[in-house]
Amino acid sequence: LERLRDGRVRVTAVGVLAAIWVLTTWTDRWASTEWLYYRSRYSELDVS
């Protein structure tokens, strides 16, 4: 965990969260909010 203190890692961390922000703009296209709860069977989510 000490490796996370590196300054370059922190800069990368900002980029990662920004990328997740962009990715979740289209959550409903590739998944749905229900997927984020990890609680439903795949059969209930109407996908193969």
All heavy atoms as atom14 arrays in JSON, in Angstrom:
{
  "sequence": "LERLRDGRVRVTAVGVLAAIWVLTTWTDRWASTEWLYYRSRYSELDVS",
  "atom14_mask": [
    [1, 1, 1, 1, 1, 1, 1, 1, 0, 0, 0, 0, 0, 0],
    [1, 1, 1, 1, 1, 1, 1, 1, 1, 0, 0, 0, 0, 0],
    [1, 1, 1, 1, 1, 1, 1, 1, 1, 1, 1, 0, 0, 0],
    [1, 1, 1, 1, 1, 1, 1, 1, 0, 0, 0, 0, 0, 0],
    [1, 1, 1, 1, 1, 1, 1, 1, 1, 1, 1, 0, 0, 0],
    [1, 1, 1, 1, 1, 1, 1, 1, 0, 0, 0, 0, 0, 0],
    [1, 1, 1, 1, 0, 0, 0, 0, 0, 0, 0, 0, 0, 0],
    [1, 1, 1, 1, 1, 1, 1, 1, 1, 1, 1, 0, 0, 0],
    [1, 1, 1, 1, 1, 1, 1, 0, 0, 0, 0, 0, 0, 0],
    [1, 1, 1, 1, 1, 1, 1, 1, 1, 1, 1, 0, 0, 0],
    [1, 1, 1, 1, 1, 1, 1, 0, 0, 0, 0, 0, 0, 0],
    [1, 1, 1, 1, 1, 1, 1, 0, 0, 0, 0, 0, 0, 0],
    [1, 1, 1, 1, 1, 0, 0, 0, 0, 0, 0, 0, 0, 0],
    [1, 1, 1, 1, 1, 1, 1, 0, 0, 0, 0, 0, 0, 0],
    [1, 1, 1, 1, 0, 0, 0, 0, 0, 0, 0, 0, 0, 0],
    [1, 1, 1, 1, 1, 1, 1, 0, 0, 0, 0, 0, 0, 0],
    [1, 1, 1, 1, 1, 1, 1, 1, 0, 0, 0, 0, 0, 0],
    [1, 1, 1, 1, 1, 0, 0, 0, 0, 0, 0, 0, 0, 0],
    [1, 1, 1, 1, 1, 0, 0, 0, 0, 0, 0, 0, 0, 0],
    [1, 1, 1, 1, 1, 1, 1, 1, 0, 0, 0, 0, 0, 0],
    [1, 1, 1, 1, 1, 1, 1, 1, 1, 1, 1, 1, 1, 1],
    [1, 1, 1, 1, 1, 1, 1, 0, 0, 0, 0, 0, 0, 0],
    [1, 1, 1, 1, 1, 1, 1, 1, 0, 0, 0, 0, 0, 0],
    [1, 1, 1, 1, 1, 1, 1, 0, 0, 0, 0, 0, 0, 0],
    [1, 1, 1, 1, 1, 1, 1, 0, 0, 0, 0, 0, 0, 0],
    [1, 1, 1, 1, 1, 1, 1, 1, 1, 1, 1, 1, 1, 1],
    [1, 1, 1, 1, 1, 1, 1, 0, 0, 0, 0, 0, 0, 0],
    [1, 1, 1, 1, 1, 1, 1, 1, 0, 0, 0, 0, 0, 0],
    [1, 1, 1, 1, 1, 1, 1, 1, 1, 1, 1, 0, 0, 0],
    [1, 1, 1, 1, 1, 1, 1, 1, 1, 1, 1, 1, 1, 1],
    [1, 1, 1, 1, 1, 0, 0, 0, 0, 0, 0, 0, 0, 0],
    [1, 1, 1, 1, 1, 1, 0, 0, 0, 0, 0, 0, 0, 0],
    [1, 1, 1, 1, 1, 1, 1, 0, 0, 0, 0, 0, 0, 0],
    [1, 1, 1, 1, 1, 1, 1, 1, 1, 0, 0, 0, 0, 0],
    [1, 1, 1, 1, 1, 1, 1, 1, 1, 1, 1, 1, 1, 1],
    [1, 1, 1, 1, 1, 1, 1, 1, 0, 0, 0, 0, 0, 0],
    [1, 1, 1, 1, 1, 1, 1, 1, 1, 1, 1, 1, 0, 0],
    [1, 1, 1, 1, 1, 1, 1, 1, 1, 1, 1, 1, 0, 0],
    [1, 1, 1, 1, 1, 1, 1, 1, 1, 1, 1, 0, 0, 0],
    [1, 1, 1, 1, 1, 1, 0, 0, 0, 0, 0, 0, 0, 0],
    [1, 1, 1, 1, 1, 1, 1, 1, 1, 1, 1, 0, 0, 0],
    [1, 1, 1, 1, 1, 1, 1, 1, 1, 1, 1, 1, 0, 0],
    [1, 1, 1, 1, 1, 1, 0, 0, 0, 0, 0, 0, 0, 0],
    [1, 1, 1, 1, 1, 1, 1, 1, 1, 0, 0, 0, 0, 0],
    [1, 1, 1, 1, 1, 1, 1, 1, 0, 0, 0, 0, 0, 0],
    [1, 1, 1, 1, 1, 1, 1, 1, 0, 0, 0, 0, 0, 0],
    [1, 1, 1, 1, 1, 1, 1, 0, 0, 0, 0, 0, 0, 0],
    [1, 1, 1, 1, 1, 1, 0, 0, 0, 0, 0, 0, 0, 0]
  ],
  "atom14_positions": [
    [[0.82, -1.2, 0.0], [0.0, 0.0, 0.0], [0.86, 1.26, 0.0], [0.4, 2.32, -0.45], [-0.93, 0.0, 1.21], [-2.0, -1.1, 1.22], [-2.8, -1.05, 2.5], [-2.93, -0.96, 0.02], [0.0, 0.0, 0.0], [0.0, 0.0, 0.0], [0.0, 0.0, 0.0], [0.0, 0.0, 0.0], [0.0, 0.0, 0.0], [0.0, 0.0, 0.0]],
    [[2.09, 1.14, 0.49], [2.99, 2.29, 0.52], [3.29, 2.8, -0.89], [3.58, 3.99, -1.08], [4.29, 1.9, 1.24], [5.2, 3.06, 1.58], [4.62, 4.0, 2.63], [3.71, 3.57, 3.37], [5.07, 5.15, 2.69], [0.0, 0.0, 0.0], [0.0, 0.0, 0.0], [0.0, 0.0, 0.0], [0.0, 0.0, 0.0], [0.0, 0.0, 0.0]],
    [[3.2, 1.93, -1.87], [3.48, 2.34, -3.25], [2.47, 3.37, -3.75], [2.76, 4.12, -4.69], [3.45, 1.11, -4.17], [4.49, 0.05, -3.82], [4.27, -1.21, -4.63], [5.13, -2.3, -4.18], [5.03, -3.56, -4.59], [4.1, -3.87, -5.5], [5.84, -4.48, -4.12], [0.0, 0.0, 0.0], [0.0, 0.0, 0.0], [0.0, 0.0, 0.0]],
    [[1.3, 3.41, -3.12], [0.29, 4.37, -3.54], [0.65, 5.8, -3.17], [-0.02, 6.74, -3.59], [-1.07, 4.01, -2.92], [-1.68, 2.66, -3.34], [-2.96, 2.39, -2.57], [-1.95, 2.64, -4.84], [0.0, 0.0, 0.0], [0.0, 0.0, 0.0], [0.0, 0.0, 0.0], [0.0, 0.0, 0.0], [0.0, 0.0, 0.0], [0.0, 0.0, 0.0]],
    [[1.7, 5.98, -2.36], [2.1, 7.32, -1.94], [2.9, 8.04, -3.01], [3.11, 9.25, -2.93], [2.91, 7.25, -0.65], [2.19, 6.62, 0.52], [2.94, 6.81, 1.82], [2.96, 8.2, 2.23], [3.38, 8.61, 3.43], [3.82, 7.74, 4.31], [3.38, 9.88, 3.73], [0.0, 0.0, 0.0], [0.0, 0.0, 0.0], [0.0, 0.0, 0.0]],
    [[3.37, 7.32, -4.01], [4.18, 7.92, -5.06], [3.37, 9.02, -5.78], [2.2, 8.84, -6.1], [4.61, 6.84, -6.06], [5.6, 7.38, -7.07], [5.16, 7.97, -8.06], [6.82, 7.21, -6.86], [0.0, 0.0, 0.0], [0.0, 0.0, 0.0], [0.0, 0.0, 0.0], [0.0, 0.0, 0.0], [0.0, 0.0, 0.0], [0.0, 0.0, 0.0]],
    [[4.02, 10.15, -6.05], [3.34, 11.26, -6.7], [2.78, 10.91, -8.05], [1.68, 11.36, -8.43], [0.0, 0.0, 0.0], [0.0, 0.0, 0.0], [0.0, 0.0, 0.0], [0.0, 0.0, 0.0], [0.0, 0.0, 0.0], [0.0, 0.0, 0.0], [0.0, 0.0, 0.0], [0.0, 0.0, 0.0], [0.0, 0.0, 0.0], [0.0, 0.0, 0.0]],
    [[3.5, 10.1, -8.81], [3.01, 9.7, -10.13], [1.76, 8.84, -10.03], [0.88, 8.92, -10.89], [4.11, 8.93, -10.87], [5.32, 9.8, -11.27], [6.47, 8.95, -11.73], [6.98, 8.08, -10.67], [7.99, 7.24, -10.82], [8.61, 7.14, -11.99], [8.39, 6.48, -9.81], [0.0, 0.0, 0.0], [0.0, 0.0, 0.0], [0.0, 0.0, 0.0]],
    [[1.68, 8.03, -8.96], [0.49, 7.2, -8.76], [-0.73, 8.09, -8.48], [-1.83, 7.84, -8.98], [0.71, 6.21, -7.6], [-0.58, 5.46, -7.29], [1.82, 5.22, -7.96], [0.0, 0.0, 0.0], [0.0, 0.0, 0.0], [0.0, 0.0, 0.0], [0.0, 0.0, 0.0], [0.0, 0.0, 0.0], [0.0, 0.0, 0.0], [0.0, 0.0, 0.0]],
    [[-0.52, 9.16, -7.73], [-1.63, 10.06, -7.42], [-2.14, 10.76, -8.66], [-3.34, 10.94, -8.83], [-1.19, 11.07, -6.37], [-0.89, 10.45, -5.01], [-0.53, 11.51, -3.99], [-0.24, 10.9, -2.7], [0.08, 11.58, -1.6], [0.17, 12.91, -1.66], [0.32, 10.97, -0.47], [0.0, 0.0, 0.0], [0.0, 0.0, 0.0], [0.0, 0.0, 0.0]],
    [[-1.23, 11.16, -9.52], [-1.65, 11.78, -10.78], [-2.44, 10.78, -11.62], [-3.5, 11.11, -12.18], [-0.42, 12.29, -11.56], [-0.83, 12.77, -12.95], [0.26, 13.42, -10.79], [0.0, 0.0, 0.0], [0.0, 0.0, 0.0], [0.0, 0.0, 0.0], [0.0, 0.0, 0.0], [0.0, 0.0, 0.0], [0.0, 0.0, 0.0], [0.0, 0.0, 0.0]],
    [[-1.95, 9.55, -11.66], [-2.66, 8.5, -12.4], [-4.03, 8.24, -11.79], [-5.0, 8.0, -12.51], [-1.84, 7.2, -12.39], [-0.55, 7.45, -12.94], [-2.53, 6.11, -13.19], [0.0, 0.0, 0.0], [0.0, 0.0, 0.0], [0.0, 0.0, 0.0], [0.0, 0.0, 0.0], [0.0, 0.0, 0.0], [0.0, 0.0, 0.0], [0.0, 0.0, 0.0]],
    [[-4.12, 8.32, -10.45], [-5.39, 8.08, -9.77], [-6.46, 9.07, -10.21], [-7.62, 8.7, -10.41], [-5.19, 8.15, -8.25], [0.0, 0.0, 0.0], [0.0, 0.0, 0.0], [0.0, 0.0, 0.0], [0.0, 0.0, 0.0], [0.0, 0.0, 0.0], [0.0, 0.0, 0.0], [0.0, 0.0, 0.0], [0.0, 0.0, 0.0], [0.0, 0.0, 0.0]],
    [[-6.07, 10.33, -10.36], [-7.02, 11.33, -10.84], [-7.51, 10.96, -12.23], [-8.71, 11.05, -12.53], [-6.37, 12.73, -10.84], [-7.31, 13.76, -11.48], [-6.0, 13.16, -9.42], [0.0, 0.0, 0.0], [0.0, 0.0, 0.0], [0.0, 0.0, 0.0], [0.0, 0.0, 0.0], [0.0, 0.0, 0.0], [0.0, 0.0, 0.0], [0.0, 0.0, 0.0]],
    [[-6.58, 10.52, -13.08], [-6.97, 10.11, -14.43], [-7.9, 8.9, -14.42], [-8.84, 8.83, -15.23], [0.0, 0.0, 0.0], [0.0, 0.0, 0.0], [0.0, 0.0, 0.0], [0.0, 0.0, 0.0], [0.0, 0.0, 0.0], [0.0, 0.0, 0.0], [0.0, 0.0, 0.0], [0.0, 0.0, 0.0], [0.0, 0.0, 0.0], [0.0, 0.0, 0.0]],
    [[-7.64, 7.95, -13.5], [-8.49, 6.76, -13.41], [-9.92, 7.14, -13.02], [-10.9, 6.67, -13.63], [-7.91, 5.76, -12.39], [-8.93, 4.66, -12.06], [-6.64, 5.13, -12.94], [0.0, 0.0, 0.0], [0.0, 0.0, 0.0], [0.0, 0.0, 0.0], [0.0, 0.0, 0.0], [0.0, 0.0, 0.0], [0.0, 0.0, 0.0], [0.0, 0.0, 0.0]],
    [[-10.06, 7.97, -12.01], [-11.4, 8.39, -11.59], [-12.1, 9.19, -12.68], [-13.32, 9.07, -12.87], [-11.32, 9.19, -10.29], [-10.89, 8.4, -9.06], [-10.77, 9.31, -7.84], [-11.88, 7.27, -8.76], [0.0, 0.0, 0.0], [0.0, 0.0, 0.0], [0.0, 0.0, 0.0], [0.0, 0.0, 0.0], [0.0, 0.0, 0.0], [0.0, 0.0, 0.0]],
    [[-11.34, 9.99, -13.41], [-11.93, 10.73, -14.53], [-12.42, 9.77, -15.61], [-13.49, 9.96, -16.19], [-10.9, 11.71, -15.11], [0.0, 0.0, 0.0], [0.0, 0.0, 0.0], [0.0, 0.0, 0.0], [0.0, 0.0, 0.0], [0.0, 0.0, 0.0], [0.0, 0.0, 0.0], [0.0, 0.0, 0.0], [0.0, 0.0, 0.0], [0.0, 0.0, 0.0]],
    [[-11.64, 8.72, -15.86], [-12.04, 7.73, -16.86], [-13.3, 6.99, -16.42], [-14.2, 6.71, -17.24], [-10.9, 6.74, -17.1], [0.0, 0.0, 0.0], [0.0, 0.0, 0.0], [0.0, 0.0, 0.0], [0.0, 0.0, 0.0], [0.0, 0.0, 0.0], [0.0, 0.0, 0.0], [0.0, 0.0, 0.0], [0.0, 0.0, 0.0], [0.0, 0.0, 0.0]],
    [[-13.39, 6.66, -15.13], [-14.59, 5.99, -14.62], [-15.79, 6.93, -14.73], [-16.92, 6.5, -15.04], [-14.38, 5.52, -13.17], [-13.3, 4.45, -13.11], [-15.68, 4.99, -12.57], [-12.93, 4.01, -11.71], [0.0, 0.0, 0.0], [0.0, 0.0, 0.0], [0.0, 0.0, 0.0], [0.0, 0.0, 0.0], [0.0, 0.0, 0.0], [0.0, 0.0, 0.0]],
    [[-15.57, 8.22, -14.5], [-16.66, 9.2, -14.65], [-17.19, 9.18, -16.09], [-18.4, 9.18, -16.32], [-16.16, 10.59, -14.28], [-17.14, 11.69, -14.6], [-17.11, 12.52, -15.68], [-18.31, 12.04, -13.85], [-18.18, 13.38, -15.65], [-18.92, 13.1, -14.54], [-18.87, 11.56, -12.68], [-20.09, 13.71, -14.08], [-20.03, 12.16, -12.21], [-20.64, 13.21, -12.9]],
    [[-16.27, 9.16, -17.05], [-16.69, 9.12, -18.46], [-17.39, 7.79, -18.76], [-18.43, 7.76, -19.43], [-15.47, 9.32, -19.38], [-15.86, 9.11, -20.85], [-14.87, 10.71, -19.19], [0.0, 0.0, 0.0], [0.0, 0.0, 0.0], [0.0, 0.0, 0.0], [0.0, 0.0, 0.0], [0.0, 0.0, 0.0], [0.0, 0.0, 0.0], [0.0, 0.0, 0.0]],
    [[-16.81, 6.69, -18.28], [-17.37, 5.37, -18.55], [-18.79, 5.24, -18.02], [-19.67, 4.67, -18.68], [-16.48, 4.3, -17.92], [-16.91, 2.84, -18.12], [-16.86, 2.47, -19.58], [-16.02, 1.91, -17.29], [0.0, 0.0, 0.0], [0.0, 0.0, 0.0], [0.0, 0.0, 0.0], [0.0, 0.0, 0.0], [0.0, 0.0, 0.0], [0.0, 0.0, 0.0]],
    [[-19.04, 5.78, -16.83], [-20.37, 5.64, -16.24], [-21.38, 6.59, -16.88], [-22.56, 6.56, -16.51], [-20.31, 5.89, -14.72], [-19.6, 7.12, -14.45], [-19.6, 4.74, -14.02], [0.0, 0.0, 0.0], [0.0, 0.0, 0.0], [0.0, 0.0, 0.0], [0.0, 0.0, 0.0], [0.0, 0.0, 0.0], [0.0, 0.0, 0.0], [0.0, 0.0, 0.0]],
    [[-20.95, 7.41, -17.81], [-21.91, 8.2, -18.59], [-22.81, 7.28, -19.39], [-23.98, 7.59, -19.63], [-21.16, 9.15, -19.55], [-20.27, 9.97, -18.8], [-22.15, 10.03, -20.31], [0.0, 0.0, 0.0], [0.0, 0.0, 0.0], [0.0, 0.0, 0.0], [0.0, 0.0, 0.0], [0.0, 0.0, 0.0], [0.0, 0.0, 0.0], [0.0, 0.0, 0.0]],
    [[-22.26, 6.13, -19.79], [-23.01, 5.18, -20.63], [-23.27, 3.87, -19.89], [-23.34, 2.81, -20.51], [-22.23, 4.9, -21.9], [-21.94, 6.14, -22.69], [-22.83, 6.89, -23.41], [-20.67, 6.78, -22.82], [-22.19, 7.95, -23.99], [-20.86, 7.93, -23.64], [-19.39, 6.53, -22.33], [-19.82, 8.79, -23.98], [-18.35, 7.39, -22.66], [-18.58, 8.5, -23.48]],
    [[-23.46, 3.94, -18.58], [-23.68, 2.71, -17.81], [-24.83, 1.89, -18.38], [-24.75, 0.66, -18.52], [-23.98, 3.05, -16.33], [-22.9, 3.79, -15.79], [-24.16, 1.77, -15.52], [0.0, 0.0, 0.0], [0.0, 0.0, 0.0], [0.0, 0.0, 0.0], [0.0, 0.0, 0.0], [0.0, 0.0, 0.0], [0.0, 0.0, 0.0], [0.0, 0.0, 0.0]],
    [[-25.93, 2.56, -18.71], [-27.1, 1.82, -19.17], [-26.92, 1.18, -20.54], [-27.75, 0.38, -20.95], [-28.32, 2.75, -19.2], [-28.77, 3.14, -17.79], [-28.49, 2.36, -16.87], [-29.37, 4.21, -17.62], [0.0, 0.0, 0.0], [0.0, 0.0, 0.0], [0.0, 0.0, 0.0], [0.0, 0.0, 0.0], [0.0, 0.0, 0.0], [0.0, 0.0, 0.0]],
    [[-25.86, 1.52, -21.24], [-25.62, 0.91, -22.54], [-24.88, -0.42, -22.43], [-25.08, -1.31, -23.25], [-24.81, 1.87, -23.44], [-25.56, 3.17, -23.75], [-24.78, 4.0, -24.76], [-25.41, 5.3, -24.99], [-24.94, 6.22, -25.82], [-23.82, 5.99, -26.5], [-25.56, 7.38, -25.96], [0.0, 0.0, 0.0], [0.0, 0.0, 0.0], [0.0, 0.0, 0.0]],
    [[-23.99, -0.51, -21.45], [-23.22, -1.75, -21.33], [-23.55, -2.53, -20.06], [-23.18, -3.69, -19.92], [-21.72, -1.45, -21.37], [-21.21, -0.55, -20.28], [-21.25, 0.8, -20.26], [-20.59, -0.95, -19.05], [-20.68, 1.28, -19.1], [-20.27, 0.23, -18.35], [-20.28, -2.19, -18.49], [-19.65, 0.21, -17.1], [-19.66, -2.21, -17.25], [-19.35, -1.02, -16.57]],
    [[-24.28, -1.92, -19.16], [-24.76, -2.59, -17.95], [-25.95, -1.76, -17.46], [-26.52, -0.99, -18.2], [-23.66, -2.65, -16.89], [0.0, 0.0, 0.0], [0.0, 0.0, 0.0], [0.0, 0.0, 0.0], [0.0, 0.0, 0.0], [0.0, 0.0, 0.0], [0.0, 0.0, 0.0], [0.0, 0.0, 0.0], [0.0, 0.0, 0.0], [0.0, 0.0, 0.0]],
    [[-26.31, -1.92, -16.21], [-27.33, -1.08, -15.6], [-26.94, -0.88, -14.15], [-26.04, -1.56, -13.63], [-28.71, -1.73, -15.69], [-28.74, -2.93, -14.95], [0.0, 0.0, 0.0], [0.0, 0.0, 0.0], [0.0, 0.0, 0.0], [0.0, 0.0, 0.0], [0.0, 0.0, 0.0], [0.0, 0.0, 0.0], [0.0, 0.0, 0.0], [0.0, 0.0, 0.0]],
    [[-27.61, 0.04, -13.49], [-27.26, 0.33, -12.09], [-27.36, -0.93, -11.23], [-26.56, -1.11, -10.3], [-28.19, 1.42, -11.54], [-28.05, 2.6, -12.34], [-27.83, 1.75, -10.1], [0.0, 0.0, 0.0], [0.0, 0.0, 0.0], [0.0, 0.0, 0.0], [0.0, 0.0, 0.0], [0.0, 0.0, 0.0], [0.0, 0.0, 0.0], [0.0, 0.0, 0.0]],
    [[-28.31, -1.8, -11.54], [-28.49, -3.02, -10.75], [-27.22, -3.87, -10.72], [-26.92, -4.53, -9.71], [-29.65, -3.84, -11.31], [-29.97, -5.12, -10.56], [-30.41, -4.88, -9.12], [-30.97, -3.79, -8.84], [-30.2, -5.78, -8.28], [0.0, 0.0, 0.0], [0.0, 0.0, 0.0], [0.0, 0.0, 0.0], [0.0, 0.0, 0.0], [0.0, 0.0, 0.0]],
    [[-26.43, -3.83, -11.78], [-25.18, -4.59, -11.81], [-24.22, -4.14, -10.71], [-23.42, -4.94, -10.21], [-24.49, -4.42, -13.16], [-25.05, -5.27, -14.25], [-26.03, -4.92, -15.14], [-24.67, -6.6, -14.59], [-26.28, -5.95, -16.01], [-25.46, -7.0, -15.69], [-23.74, -7.49, -14.07], [-25.34, -8.26, -16.28], [-23.62, -8.75, -14.66], [-24.42, -9.11, -15.74]],
    [[-24.28, -2.88, -10.35], [-23.33, -2.32, -9.39], [-23.58, -2.8, -7.97], [-22.74, -2.59, -7.09], [-23.39, -0.78, -9.43], [-23.14, -0.16, -10.81], [-23.29, 1.35, -10.72], [-21.76, -0.54, -11.34], [0.0, 0.0, 0.0], [0.0, 0.0, 0.0], [0.0, 0.0, 0.0], [0.0, 0.0, 0.0], [0.0, 0.0, 0.0], [0.0, 0.0, 0.0]],
    [[-24.73, -3.44, -7.74], [-25.05, -3.94, -6.41], [-24.53, -5.37, -6.19], [-24.54, -5.86, -5.05], [-26.55, -3.93, -6.17], [-27.19, -2.56, -6.29], [-28.42, -2.41, -6.92], [-26.58, -1.43, -5.77], [-29.03, -1.16, -7.03], [-27.18, -0.18, -5.88], [-28.4, -0.05, -6.51], [-28.99, 1.17, -6.62], [0.0, 0.0, 0.0], [0.0, 0.0, 0.0]],
    [[-24.17, -6.07, -7.26], [-23.64, -7.44, -7.16], [-24.63, -8.39, -6.46], [-24.2, -9.33, -5.79], [-22.3, -7.46, -6.39], [-21.17, -6.78, -7.11], [-20.99, -5.4, -7.04], [-20.24, -7.52, -7.85], [-19.95, -4.77, -7.7], [-19.19, -6.9, -8.5], [-19.04, -5.52, -8.42], [-18.0, -4.9, -9.08], [0.0, 0.0, 0.0], [0.0, 0.0, 0.0]],
    [[-25.92, -8.17, -6.61], [-26.87, -8.95, -5.84], [-27.82, -9.79, -6.68], [-28.51, -10.67, -6.14], [-27.7, -8.02, -4.96], [-28.63, -7.09, -5.73], [-29.36, -6.12, -4.84], [-30.24, -5.24, -5.62], [-30.9, -4.21, -5.12], [-30.77, -3.92, -3.83], [-31.66, -3.46, -5.89], [0.0, 0.0, 0.0], [0.0, 0.0, 0.0], [0.0, 0.0, 0.0]],
    [[-27.9, -9.56, -7.97], [-28.9, -10.24, -8.8], [-28.27, -11.37, -9.6], [-27.1, -11.29, -10.01], [-29.56, -9.25, -9.77], [-30.26, -8.25, -9.06], [0.0, 0.0, 0.0], [0.0, 0.0, 0.0], [0.0, 0.0, 0.0], [0.0, 0.0, 0.0], [0.0, 0.0, 0.0], [0.0, 0.0, 0.0], [0.0, 0.0, 0.0], [0.0, 0.0, 0.0]],
    [[-29.05, -12.4, -9.82], [-28.6, -13.46, -10.72], [-28.58, -12.93, -12.14], [-29.35, -12.05, -12.51], [-29.53, -14.67, -10.62], [-29.42, -15.44, -9.32], [-30.26, -16.7, -9.39], [-30.19, -17.44, -8.13], [-30.83, -18.59, -7.92], [-31.56, -19.13, -8.89], [-30.72, -19.2, -6.76], [0.0, 0.0, 0.0], [0.0, 0.0, 0.0], [0.0, 0.0, 0.0]],
    [[-27.7, -13.51, -12.94], [-27.61, -13.08, -14.33], [-28.94, -13.27, -15.05], [-29.3, -12.46, -15.92], [-26.52, -13.87, -15.06], [-25.14, -13.72, -14.48], [-24.2, -14.76, -14.57], [-24.73, -12.55, -13.84], [-22.92, -14.62, -14.05], [-23.46, -12.41, -13.3], [-22.56, -13.46, -13.42], [-21.29, -13.32, -12.9], [0.0, 0.0, 0.0], [0.0, 0.0, 0.0]],
    [[-29.65, -14.32, -14.69], [-30.93, -14.59, -15.36], [-31.95, -13.49, -15.12], [-32.87, -13.31, -15.93], [-31.49, -15.93, -14.88], [-31.7, -15.92, -13.47], [0.0, 0.0, 0.0], [0.0, 0.0, 0.0], [0.0, 0.0, 0.0], [0.0, 0.0, 0.0], [0.0, 0.0, 0.0], [0.0, 0.0, 0.0], [0.0, 0.0, 0.0], [0.0, 0.0, 0.0]],
    [[-31.8, -12.75, -14.04], [-32.72, -11.66, -13.73], [-32.38, -10.38, -14.48], [-33.16, -9.42, -14.49], [-32.72, -11.38, -12.22], [-33.16, -12.56, -11.38], [-32.92, -12.31, -9.9], [-32.47, -11.19, -9.55], [-33.17, -13.22, -9.09], [0.0, 0.0, 0.0], [0.0, 0.0, 0.0], [0.0, 0.0, 0.0], [0.0, 0.0, 0.0], [0.0, 0.0, 0.0]],
    [[-31.19, -10.34, -15.11], [-30.72, -9.13, -15.77], [-30.9, -9.18, -17.29], [-30.45, -8.29, -18.0], [-29.25, -8.89, -15.42], [-29.01, -8.67, -13.92], [-27.53, -8.7, -13.6], [-29.6, -7.34, -13.48], [0.0, 0.0, 0.0], [0.0, 0.0, 0.0], [0.0, 0.0, 0.0], [0.0, 0.0, 0.0], [0.0, 0.0, 0.0], [0.0, 0.0, 0.0]],
    [[-31.53, -10.22, -17.75], [-31.95, -10.34, -19.16], [-30.77, -10.23, -20.13], [-30.82, -9.49, -21.11], [-33.0, -9.26, -19.48], [-33.75, -9.56, -20.76], [-33.85, -10.75, -21.12], [-34.24, -8.6, -21.4], [0.0, 0.0, 0.0], [0.0, 0.0, 0.0], [0.0, 0.0, 0.0], [0.0, 0.0, 0.0], [0.0, 0.0, 0.0], [0.0, 0.0, 0.0]],
    [[-29.7, -10.97, -19.82], [-28.56, -11.05, -20.74], [-28.11, -12.5, -20.8], [-28.44, -13.31, -19.93], [-27.38, -10.15, -20.27], [-27.76, -8.68, -20.32], [-26.93, -10.54, -18.87], [0.0, 0.0, 0.0], [0.0, 0.0, 0.0], [0.0, 0.0, 0.0], [0.0, 0.0, 0.0], [0.0, 0.0, 0.0], [0.0, 0.0, 0.0], [0.0, 0.0, 0.0]],
    [[-27.34, -12.82, -21.82], [-26.8, -14.17, -21.92], [-25.75, -14.39, -20.84], [-25.18, -13.43, -20.3], [-26.19, -14.39, -23.3], [-25.03, -13.57, -23.45], [0.0, 0.0, 0.0], [0.0, 0.0, 0.0], [0.0, 0.0, 0.0], [0.0, 0.0, 0.0], [0.0, 0.0, 0.0], [0.0, 0.0, 0.0], [0.0, 0.0, 0.0], [0.0, 0.0, 0.0]]
  ]
}
